[in-house]
């Protein structure tokens, strides 16, 4: 948990190589109280740096972390 009371549950950083291909991500989380989901995207100084989010779905139940390297610090 950070100083603002936020938990990182999925994190992918650095260059993901093939910028023309979408990558699927998923993560499970549990909460017993009202929660907020935030997406924080940051790019570098190069013109080719891109961030995209699409087709976000929230479902009950557990899932397998994808991609595995997206485990939080």
Protein backbone atom coordinates (compact mmCIF):
# COMPACT_ATOMS: atom_id res chain seq x y z
CA UNK A 1 0.00 0.00 0.00
CA UNK A 2 1.39 3.42 -0.89
CA UNK A 3 1.13 6.69 1.04
CA UNK A 4 -2.28 7.42 -0.52
CA UNK A 5 -3.72 4.09 0.63
CA UNK A 6 -3.55 2.56 -2.86
CA UNK A 7 -2.46 -0.97 -3.73
CA UNK A 8 -0.86 -1.87 -7.05
CA UNK A 9 -2.35 -5.17 -8.22
CA UNK A 10 -1.04 -5.30 -11.82
CA UNK A 11 2.02 -3.58 -13.24
CA UNK A 12 3.72 -3.79 -16.62
CA UNK A 13 6.58 -1.47 -17.40
CA UNK A 14 9.38 -0.81 -19.86
CA UNK A 15 9.25 -1.36 -23.60
CA UNK A 16 6.88 -4.14 -24.61
CA UNK A 17 8.56 -4.55 -28.04
CA UNK A 18 5.88 -5.11 -30.66
CA UNK A 19 3.93 -1.86 -30.46
CA UNK A 20 1.51 -2.92 -33.19
CA UNK A 21 0.09 -5.86 -31.21
CA UNK A 22 -2.41 -5.65 -28.38
CA UNK A 23 -1.60 -7.65 -25.26
CA UNK A 24 -4.20 -9.17 -22.99
CA UNK A 25 -3.93 -8.54 -19.28
CA UNK A 26 -5.93 -9.81 -16.35
CA UNK A 27 -5.71 -9.87 -12.58
CA UNK A 28 -7.82 -11.00 -9.63
CA UNK A 29 -8.52 -8.83 -6.61
CA UNK A 30 -10.70 -9.10 -3.53
CA UNK A 31 -12.37 -6.34 -1.58
CA UNK A 32 -14.91 -6.17 1.22
CA UNK A 33 -15.70 -2.50 0.75
CA UNK A 34 -16.44 -0.07 -2.07
CA UNK A 35 -13.33 0.29 -4.21
CA UNK A 36 -11.98 2.34 -7.08
CA UNK A 37 -9.95 0.95 -9.95
CA UNK A 38 -7.42 3.37 -11.41
CA UNK A 39 -5.28 3.05 -14.51
CA UNK A 40 -2.03 4.98 -14.47
CA UNK A 41 -0.17 5.13 -17.77
CA UNK A 42 3.15 6.84 -18.32
CA UNK A 43 5.22 7.20 -21.47
CA UNK A 44 8.80 8.19 -22.08
CA UNK A 45 10.15 11.00 -24.23
CA UNK A 46 10.35 9.07 -27.50
CA UNK A 47 7.67 9.66 -30.14
CA UNK A 48 7.02 5.93 -30.47
CA UNK A 49 5.88 5.57 -26.84
CA UNK A 50 2.22 4.57 -26.76
CA UNK A 51 -0.32 3.43 -24.19
CA UNK A 52 -3.70 1.97 -25.00
CA UNK A 53 -6.52 0.45 -22.94
CA UNK A 54 -9.49 -1.24 -24.58
CA UNK A 55 -12.32 -3.64 -23.74
CA UNK A 56 -12.03 -3.42 -19.96
CA UNK A 57 -14.32 -5.89 -18.21
CA UNK A 58 -14.86 -6.54 -14.50
CA UNK A 59 -16.22 -9.97 -13.59
CA UNK A 60 -16.76 -11.84 -10.34
CA UNK A 61 -14.45 -14.75 -9.58
CA UNK A 62 -10.76 -15.43 -9.83
CA UNK A 63 -8.49 -15.52 -12.85
CA UNK A 64 -4.87 -16.25 -13.66
CA UNK A 65 -2.50 -13.25 -13.77
CA UNK A 66 -1.67 -12.30 -17.37
CA UNK A 67 0.99 -11.67 -18.43
CA UNK A 68 2.93 -13.29 -15.62
CA UNK A 69 5.52 -10.47 -15.64
CA UNK A 70 2.75 -8.03 -14.63
CA UNK A 71 2.96 -9.12 -10.98
CA UNK A 72 3.05 -6.07 -8.70
CA UNK A 73 6.33 -5.10 -7.03
